[in-house]
């Protein structure tokens, strides 16, 4: 089902803010595509 994936932190400080934003946006899109709701939608909207 879901795999526990440790957050990939930038090892060096060379990564720019734009690269970080692009990487996080890609991860968020991947998570949103694979996310399975386990609770009713009414509960999530509160």
Protein backbone atom coordinates (compact mmCIF):
# COMPACT_ATOMS: atom_id res chain seq x y z
CA UNK A 1 0.00 0.00 0.00
CA UNK A 2 1.93 3.05 1.23
CA UNK A 3 5.68 2.99 1.57
CA UNK A 4 7.40 4.95 4.28
CA UNK A 5 9.75 7.21 2.38
CA UNK A 6 12.12 9.38 4.35
CA UNK A 7 12.16 13.01 3.25
CA UNK A 8 15.08 13.80 1.00
CA UNK A 9 16.71 16.84 2.49
CA UNK A 10 19.25 18.74 0.42
CA UNK A 11 22.65 17.37 1.40
CA UNK A 12 24.42 20.52 0.32
CA UNK A 13 23.27 24.11 0.49
CA UNK A 14 23.98 24.52 -3.23
CA UNK A 15 20.38 23.63 -4.13
CA UNK A 16 18.59 26.86 -4.96
CA UNK A 17 15.14 27.83 -3.72
CA UNK A 18 13.76 27.27 -7.23
CA UNK A 19 15.16 23.73 -7.40
CA UNK A 20 13.76 23.00 -3.95
CA UNK A 21 10.33 24.35 -4.93
CA UNK A 22 10.34 22.31 -8.15
CA UNK A 23 11.32 19.13 -6.27
CA UNK A 24 8.68 19.61 -3.59
CA UNK A 25 5.99 20.39 -6.17
CA UNK A 26 6.84 17.16 -8.00
CA UNK A 27 6.66 15.18 -4.76
CA UNK A 28 3.31 16.79 -3.86
CA UNK A 29 1.83 15.91 -7.26
CA UNK A 30 3.03 12.31 -6.89
CA UNK A 31 1.54 12.06 -3.39
CA UNK A 32 -1.79 13.55 -4.52
CA UNK A 33 -2.04 11.02 -7.36
CA UNK A 34 -1.33 8.04 -5.11
CA UNK A 35 -3.22 9.24 -2.01
CA UNK A 36 -6.11 7.01 -0.92
CA UNK A 37 -8.78 8.52 1.33
CA UNK A 38 -9.29 6.35 4.40
CA UNK A 39 -11.73 8.68 6.14
CA UNK A 40 -15.10 9.95 4.92
CA UNK A 41 -15.01 13.18 2.94
CA UNK A 42 -17.37 14.87 5.45
CA UNK A 43 -14.75 14.33 8.16
CA UNK A 44 -12.01 15.81 5.99
CA UNK A 45 -14.04 18.96 5.25
CA UNK A 46 -14.45 19.92 8.93
